[in-house]
Amino acid sequence: MTDFAANNNAPGAEDVERDPAQEAAVLARENAEVAKENAELKDRVLRTLAEMENLRRRTEREIADSRVYAITSFARDLVSVADNIQRALDAMRDSGVVLDGPAKALVDGVELTERELLKVLEKNGVKKFDPRGEKFDPNLHQAMFEVPDPRVPSGSVVQVIQPGYMIGDRVLRPSLVGVSKGGPKTAPTASPSGADDDA
């Protein structure tokens, strides 16, 4: 027991006072480590906040897109119905039948139905466009044939077989068109927003 007490009373590392320079160096090292850890944590927090902000913006954009484009498949099906109504009206007009009395009432009813359908489509962000006279744009139009006509600027849409439809700022269905060939090289610019919606 005396040996133990003697060993305990011997000057140890705990009892030796540190040199002030050593103490300052240790504190400086610890402060540097704490500052580095603090900077890393601050950087992590800032990155997390930036990621959360980006996620919020991306989510808002996706929600807005889904509101506009959620009906794309349904709208594409309704566009086919609008085409069939237009074909029926064209067939009645081209048949040579006198549209009078009950036949006229039938045609008027079909025209009214077509207008109402186009109005409902437009109310939901689907717009019909007829690019007749505009410059051919492969993003908006699908060329079916070329029409040789030196009077019309080359690359202009001269005939519309089937009108196109836009949903928001995307093409729901391109218009099927005939394009001029052989005229002057300059042509007007395409603008589906200024297109005739009643064609």
C-alpha atoms as a PDB file:
ATOM      1  CA  MET A   1       0.000   0.000   0.000  1.00  0.00           C
ATOM      2  CA  THR A   2       2.879   2.306   0.683  1.00  0.00           C
ATOM      3  CA  ASP A   3       4.297   1.557  -2.746  1.00  0.00           C
ATOM      4  CA  PHE A   4       0.954   2.481  -4.282  1.00  0.00           C
ATOM      5  CA  ALA A   5       0.824   5.725  -2.294  1.00  0.00           C
ATOM      6  CA  ALA A   6       4.378   6.480  -3.251  1.00  0.00           C
ATOM      7  CA  ASN A   7       3.591   5.911  -6.888  1.00  0.00           C
ATOM      8  CA  ASN A   8       0.501   8.096  -6.640  1.00  0.00           C
ATOM      9  CA  ASN A   9       2.471  10.924  -5.097  1.00  0.00           C
ATOM     10  CA  ALA A  10       5.147  10.772  -7.761  1.00  0.00           C
ATOM     11  CA  PRO A  11       4.896  13.591 -10.246  1.00  0.00           C
ATOM     12  CA  GLY A  12       2.796  12.328 -13.184  1.00  0.00           C
ATOM     13  CA  ALA A  13       1.656  13.780 -16.471  1.00  0.00           C
ATOM     14  CA  GLU A  14      -1.470  15.139 -14.786  1.00  0.00           C
ATOM     15  CA  ASP A  15       0.451  16.978 -12.101  1.00  0.00           C
ATOM     16  CA  VAL A  16       3.016  18.544 -14.402  1.00  0.00           C
ATOM     17  CA  GLU A  17       1.948  21.954 -15.470  1.00  0.00           C
ATOM     18  CA  ARG A  18       1.907  22.509 -19.195  1.00  0.00           C
ATOM     19  CA  ASP A  19       3.983  25.064 -20.853  1.00  0.00           C
ATOM     20  CA  PRO A  20       1.812  28.099 -21.842  1.00  0.00           C
ATOM     21  CA  ALA A  21       3.029  27.820 -25.442  1.00  0.00           C
ATOM     22  CA  GLN A  22       1.979  24.170 -25.569  1.00  0.00           C
ATOM     23  CA  GLU A  23      -1.374  25.042 -24.011  1.00  0.00           C
ATOM     24  CA  ALA A  24      -1.941  27.788 -26.631  1.00  0.00           C
ATOM     25  CA  ALA A  25      -0.995  25.391 -29.447  1.00  0.00           C
ATOM     26  CA  VAL A  26      -3.437  22.763 -28.159  1.00  0.00           C
ATOM     27  CA  LEU A  27      -6.209  25.377 -27.851  1.00  0.00           C
ATOM     28  CA  ALA A  28      -5.447  26.716 -31.320  1.00  0.00           C
ATOM     29  CA  ARG A  29      -5.596  23.184 -32.749  1.00  0.00           C
ATOM     30  CA  GLU A  30      -8.893  22.493 -30.970  1.00  0.00           C
ATOM     31  CA  ASN A  31     -10.305  25.838 -32.149  1.00  0.00           C
ATOM     32  CA  ALA A  32      -9.252  25.049 -35.708  1.00  0.00           C
ATOM     33  CA  GLU A  33     -10.938  21.646 -35.515  1.00  0.00           C
ATOM     34  CA  VAL A  34     -14.135  23.193 -34.102  1.00  0.00           C
ATOM     35  CA  ALA A  35     -14.076  25.928 -36.768  1.00  0.00           C
ATOM     36  CA  LYS A  36     -13.558  23.334 -39.510  1.00  0.00           C
ATOM     37  CA  GLU A  37     -16.402  21.195 -38.162  1.00  0.00           C
ATOM     38  CA  ASN A  38     -18.581  24.303 -37.882  1.00  0.00           C
ATOM     39  CA  ALA A  39     -17.813  25.258 -41.500  1.00  0.00           C
ATOM     40  CA  GLU A  40     -18.620  21.720 -42.677  1.00  0.00           C
ATOM     41  CA  LEU A  41     -21.927  21.725 -40.795  1.00  0.00           C
ATOM     42  CA  LYS A  42     -22.795  25.187 -42.127  1.00  0.00           C
ATOM     43  CA  ASP A  43     -21.978  24.042 -45.675  1.00  0.00           C
ATOM     44  CA  ARG A  44     -24.138  20.941 -45.183  1.00  0.00           C
ATOM     45  CA  VAL A  45     -27.052  23.032 -43.908  1.00  0.00           C
ATOM     46  CA  LEU A  46     -26.756  25.486 -46.830  1.00  0.00           C
ATOM     47  CA  ARG A  47     -26.614  22.640 -49.337  1.00  0.00           C
ATOM     48  CA  THR A  48     -29.654  21.001 -47.739  1.00  0.00           C
ATOM     49  CA  LEU A  49     -31.564  24.289 -47.860  1.00  0.00           C
ATOM     50  CA  ALA A  50     -30.626  24.751 -51.543  1.00  0.00           C
ATOM     51  CA  GLU A  51     -31.701  21.185 -52.342  1.00  0.00           C
ATOM     52  CA  MET A  52     -35.007  21.739 -50.553  1.00  0.00           C
ATOM     53  CA  GLU A  53     -35.598  24.974 -52.487  1.00  0.00           C
ATOM     54  CA  ASN A  54     -34.803  23.231 -55.781  1.00  0.00           C
ATOM     55  CA  LEU A  55     -37.126  20.380 -54.832  1.00  0.00           C
ATOM     56  CA  ARG A  56     -39.893  22.872 -53.983  1.00  0.00           C
ATOM     57  CA  ARG A  57     -39.502  24.657 -57.335  1.00  0.00           C
ATOM     58  CA  ARG A  58     -39.351  21.381 -59.260  1.00  0.00           C
ATOM     59  CA  THR A  59     -42.468  20.129 -57.468  1.00  0.00           C
ATOM     60  CA  GLU A  60     -44.336  23.366 -58.240  1.00  0.00           C
ATOM     61  CA  ARG A  61     -43.326  23.062 -61.908  1.00  0.00           C
ATOM     62  CA  GLU A  62     -44.426  19.414 -62.043  1.00  0.00           C
ATOM     63  CA  ILE A  63     -47.769  20.281 -60.426  1.00  0.00           C
ATOM     64  CA  ALA A  64     -48.317  23.103 -62.931  1.00  0.00           C
ATOM     65  CA  ASP A  65     -47.390  20.788 -65.829  1.00  0.00           C
ATOM     66  CA  SER A  66     -49.660  18.049 -64.561  1.00  0.00           C
ATOM     67  CA  ARG A  67     -52.561  20.512 -64.364  1.00  0.00           C
ATOM     68  CA  VAL A  68     -52.016  21.535 -67.980  1.00  0.00           C
ATOM     69  CA  TYR A  69     -51.017  18.204 -69.505  1.00  0.00           C
ATOM     70  CA  ALA A  70     -52.925  15.664 -67.393  1.00  0.00           C
ATOM     71  CA  ILE A  71     -55.728  15.460 -69.946  1.00  0.00           C
ATOM     72  CA  THR A  72     -53.425  14.846 -72.917  1.00  0.00           C
ATOM     73  CA  SER A  73     -54.587  11.290 -73.613  1.00  0.00           C
ATOM     74  CA  PHE A  74     -58.251  12.194 -73.154  1.00  0.00           C
ATOM     75  CA  ALA A  75     -57.866  15.315 -75.318  1.00  0.00           C
ATOM     76  CA  ARG A  76     -56.214  13.258 -78.075  1.00  0.00           C
ATOM     77  CA  ASP A  77     -59.279  10.991 -78.109  1.00  0.00           C
ATOM     78  CA  LEU A  78     -61.654  13.972 -78.207  1.00  0.00           C
ATOM     79  CA  VAL A  79     -59.732  15.484 -81.111  1.00  0.00           C
ATOM     80  CA  SER A  80     -60.632  12.372 -83.124  1.00  0.00           C
ATOM     81  CA  VAL A  81     -64.295  12.996 -82.304  1.00  0.00           C
ATOM     82  CA  ALA A  82     -63.947  16.608 -83.504  1.00  0.00           C
ATOM     83  CA  ASP A  83     -62.392  15.320 -86.752  1.00  0.00           C
ATOM     84  CA  ASN A  84     -65.306  12.939 -87.314  1.00  0.00           C
ATOM     85  CA  ILE A  85     -67.842  15.701 -86.727  1.00  0.00           C
ATOM     86  CA  GLN A  86     -66.013  17.897 -89.263  1.00  0.00           C
ATOM     87  CA  ARG A  87     -65.950  15.020 -91.779  1.00  0.00           C
ATOM     88  CA  ALA A  88     -69.692  14.518 -91.324  1.00  0.00           C
ATOM     89  CA  LEU A  89     -70.339  18.214 -91.965  1.00  0.00           C
ATOM     90  CA  ASP A  90     -68.077  18.203 -95.040  1.00  0.00           C
ATOM     91  CA  ALA A  91     -69.813  15.088 -96.397  1.00  0.00           C
ATOM     92  CA  MET A  92     -73.251  16.688 -95.948  1.00  0.00           C
ATOM     93  CA  ARG A  93     -72.138  19.872 -97.728  1.00  0.00           C
ATOM     94  CA  ASP A  94     -70.394  17.972-100.544  1.00  0.00           C
ATOM     95  CA  SER A  95     -73.244  15.501-101.112  1.00  0.00           C
ATOM     96  CA  GLY A  96     -75.329  17.933-103.139  1.00  0.00           C
ATOM     97  CA  VAL A  97     -78.362  17.267-100.972  1.00  0.00           C
ATOM     98  CA  VAL A  98     -80.557  20.313-100.476  1.00  0.00           C
ATOM     99  CA  LEU A  99     -80.118  21.254 -96.870  1.00  0.00           C
ATOM    100  CA  ASP A 100     -83.583  22.475 -96.057  1.00  0.00           C
ATOM    101  CA  GLY A 101     -86.151  21.644 -93.415  1.00  0.00           C
ATOM    102  CA  PRO A 102     -85.161  18.705 -91.177  1.00  0.00           C
ATOM    103  CA  ALA A 103     -81.828  18.229 -92.980  1.00  0.00           C
ATOM    104  CA  LYS A 104     -80.879  21.856 -92.263  1.00  0.00           C
ATOM    105  CA  ALA A 105     -81.833  21.418 -88.594  1.00  0.00           C
ATOM    106  CA  LEU A 106     -79.628  18.317 -88.454  1.00  0.00           C
ATOM    107  CA  VAL A 107     -76.655  20.178 -89.990  1.00  0.00           C
ATOM    108  CA  ASP A 108     -77.199  23.142 -87.646  1.00  0.00           C
ATOM    109  CA  GLY A 109     -77.252  20.769 -84.672  1.00  0.00           C
ATOM    110  CA  VAL A 110     -74.030  19.042 -85.754  1.00  0.00           C
ATOM    111  CA  GLU A 111     -72.338  22.443 -86.305  1.00  0.00           C
ATOM    112  CA  LEU A 112     -73.475  23.575 -82.872  1.00  0.00           C
ATOM    113  CA  THR A 113     -72.092  20.352 -81.363  1.00  0.00           C
ATOM    114  CA  GLU A 114     -68.763  20.894 -83.116  1.00  0.00           C
ATOM    115  CA  ARG A 115     -68.500  24.499 -81.881  1.00  0.00           C
ATOM    116  CA  GLU A 116     -69.347  23.429 -78.327  1.00  0.00           C
ATOM    117  CA  LEU A 117     -66.763  20.620 -78.434  1.00  0.00           C
ATOM    118  CA  LEU A 118     -64.043  23.009 -79.653  1.00  0.00           C
ATOM    119  CA  LYS A 119     -65.051  25.510 -76.961  1.00  0.00           C
ATOM    120  CA  VAL A 120     -64.768  22.855 -74.244  1.00  0.00           C
ATOM    121  CA  LEU A 121     -61.390  21.741 -75.599  1.00  0.00           C
ATOM    122  CA  GLU A 122     -60.143  25.337 -75.623  1.00  0.00           C
ATOM    123  CA  LYS A 123     -61.454  25.913 -72.095  1.00  0.00           C
ATOM    124  CA  ASN A 124     -59.222  22.997 -71.033  1.00  0.00           C
ATOM    125  CA  GLY A 125     -56.127  24.321 -72.818  1.00  0.00           C
ATOM    126  CA  VAL A 126     -56.493  22.485 -76.164  1.00  0.00           C
ATOM    127  CA  LYS A 127     -56.450  24.788 -79.192  1.00  0.00           C
ATOM    128  CA  LYS A 128     -57.046  23.943 -82.821  1.00  0.00           C
ATOM    129  CA  PHE A 129     -54.729  25.543 -85.371  1.00  0.00           C
ATOM    130  CA  ASP A 130     -54.877  25.764 -89.145  1.00  0.00           C
ATOM    131  CA  PRO A 131     -51.440  26.644 -90.566  1.00  0.00           C
ATOM    132  CA  ARG A 132     -52.606  27.504 -94.098  1.00  0.00           C
ATOM    133  CA  GLY A 133     -50.247  30.117 -95.586  1.00  0.00           C
ATOM    134  CA  GLU A 134     -47.619  29.759 -92.871  1.00  0.00           C
ATOM    135  CA  LYS A 135     -44.062  28.515 -93.317  1.00  0.00           C
ATOM    136  CA  PHE A 136     -43.753  24.745 -92.883  1.00  0.00           C
ATOM    137  CA  ASP A 137     -42.476  23.860 -89.405  1.00  0.00           C
ATOM    138  CA  PRO A 138     -41.670  20.159 -88.829  1.00  0.00           C
ATOM    139  CA  ASN A 139     -42.337  20.655 -85.098  1.00  0.00           C
ATOM    140  CA  LEU A 140     -45.947  21.659 -85.795  1.00  0.00           C
ATOM    141  CA  HIS A 141     -46.785  20.168 -89.175  1.00  0.00           C
ATOM    142  CA  GLN A 142     -46.491  16.819 -90.902  1.00  0.00           C
ATOM    143  CA  ALA A 143     -45.940  17.154 -94.657  1.00  0.00           C
ATOM    144  CA  MET A 144     -48.039  14.705 -96.659  1.00  0.00           C
ATOM    145  CA  PHE A 145     -47.176  15.902-100.179  1.00  0.00           C
ATOM    146  CA  GLU A 146     -45.619  18.756-102.150  1.00  0.00           C
ATOM    147  CA  VAL A 147     -47.534  21.091-104.442  1.00  0.00           C
ATOM    148  CA  PRO A 148     -45.557  22.598-107.347  1.00  0.00           C
ATOM    149  CA  ASP A 149     -46.626  26.270-107.473  1.00  0.00           C
ATOM    150  CA  PRO A 150     -44.176  29.002-108.551  1.00  0.00           C
ATOM    151  CA  ARG A 151     -46.532  31.721-107.236  1.00  0.00           C
ATOM    152  CA  VAL A 152     -46.334  30.577-103.605  1.00  0.00           C
ATOM    153  CA  PRO A 153     -43.091  30.807-101.583  1.00  0.00           C
ATOM    154  CA  SER A 154     -41.347  27.448-101.379  1.00  0.00           C
ATOM    155  CA  GLY A 155     -41.893  25.720 -98.042  1.00  0.00           C
ATOM    156  CA  SER A 156     -45.274  27.339 -97.361  1.00  0.00           C
ATOM    157  CA  VAL A 157     -48.303  25.357 -96.232  1.00  0.00           C
ATOM    158  CA  VAL A 158     -50.790  25.501 -99.121  1.00  0.00           C
ATOM    159  CA  GLN A 159     -53.268  22.834 -98.092  1.00  0.00           C
ATOM    160  CA  VAL A 160     -54.401  21.486 -94.725  1.00  0.00           C
ATOM    161  CA  ILE A 161     -55.677  17.916 -94.792  1.00  0.00           C
ATOM    162  CA  GLN A 162     -56.183  17.751 -91.031  1.00  0.00           C
ATOM    163  CA  PRO A 163     -55.835  20.677 -88.608  1.00  0.00           C
ATOM    164  CA  GLY A 164     -53.426  20.422 -85.706  1.00  0.00           C
ATOM    165  CA  TYR A 165     -54.024  20.834 -81.984  1.00  0.00           C
ATOM    166  CA  MET A 166     -51.866  22.305 -79.218  1.00  0.00           C
ATOM    167  CA  ILE A 167     -52.185  21.609 -75.506  1.00  0.00           C
ATOM    168  CA  GLY A 168     -50.500  24.347 -73.516  1.00  0.00           C
ATOM    169  CA  ASP A 169     -47.309  25.043 -75.427  1.00  0.00           C
ATOM    170  CA  ARG A 170     -46.929  21.459 -76.723  1.00  0.00           C
ATOM    171  CA  VAL A 171     -48.203  19.877 -79.908  1.00  0.00           C
ATOM    172  CA  LEU A 172     -51.035  17.479 -79.134  1.00  0.00           C
ATOM    173  CA  ARG A 173     -51.309  16.476 -82.782  1.00  0.00           C
ATOM    174  CA  PRO A 174     -49.438  17.989 -85.739  1.00  0.00           C
ATOM    175  CA  SER A 175     -51.454  19.247 -88.664  1.00  0.00           C
ATOM    176  CA  LEU A 176     -51.291  17.176 -91.863  1.00  0.00           C
ATOM    177  CA  VAL A 177     -50.374  19.531 -94.689  1.00  0.00           C
ATOM    178  CA  GLY A 178     -49.403  19.942 -98.314  1.00  0.00           C
ATOM    179  CA  VAL A 179     -46.308  22.108 -98.807  1.00  0.00           C
ATOM    180  CA  SER A 180     -45.473  24.344-101.794  1.00  0.00           C
ATOM    181  CA  LYS A 181     -42.479  23.605-103.977  1.00  0.00           C
ATOM    182  CA  GLY A 182     -40.731  25.681-106.597  1.00  0.00           C
ATOM    183  CA  GLY A 183     -41.644  29.251-105.567  1.00  0.00           C
ATOM    184  CA  PRO A 184     -39.396  31.936-104.076  1.00  0.00           C
ATOM    185  CA  LYS A 185     -37.233  30.808-101.168  1.00  0.00           C
ATOM    186  CA  THR A 186     -38.634  33.203 -98.543  1.00  0.00           C
ATOM    187  CA  ALA A 187     -41.839  32.315 -96.746  1.00  0.00           C
ATOM    188  CA  PRO A 188     -43.839  33.760 -93.859  1.00  0.00           C
ATOM    189  CA  THR A 189     -43.057  32.559 -90.351  1.00  0.00           C
ATOM    190  CA  ALA A 190     -45.182  29.948 -88.607  1.00  0.00           C
ATOM    191  CA  SER A 191     -47.298  31.035 -85.642  1.00  0.00           C
ATOM    192  CA  PRO A 192     -49.843  28.559 -84.312  1.00  0.00           C
ATOM    193  CA  SER A 193     -51.068  31.082 -81.737  1.00  0.00           C
ATOM    194  CA  GLY A 194     -52.363  33.361 -84.482  1.00  0.00           C
ATOM    195  CA  ALA A 195     -53.897  30.485 -86.432  1.00  0.00           C
ATOM    196  CA  ASP A 196     -57.546  30.348 -87.349  1.00  0.00           C
ATOM    197  CA  ASP A 197     -59.300  28.243 -84.728  1.00  0.00           C
ATOM    198  CA  ASP A 198     -62.538  27.870 -86.663  1.00  0.00           C
ATOM    199  CA  ALA A 199     -61.118  26.168 -89.744  1.00  0.00           C
END
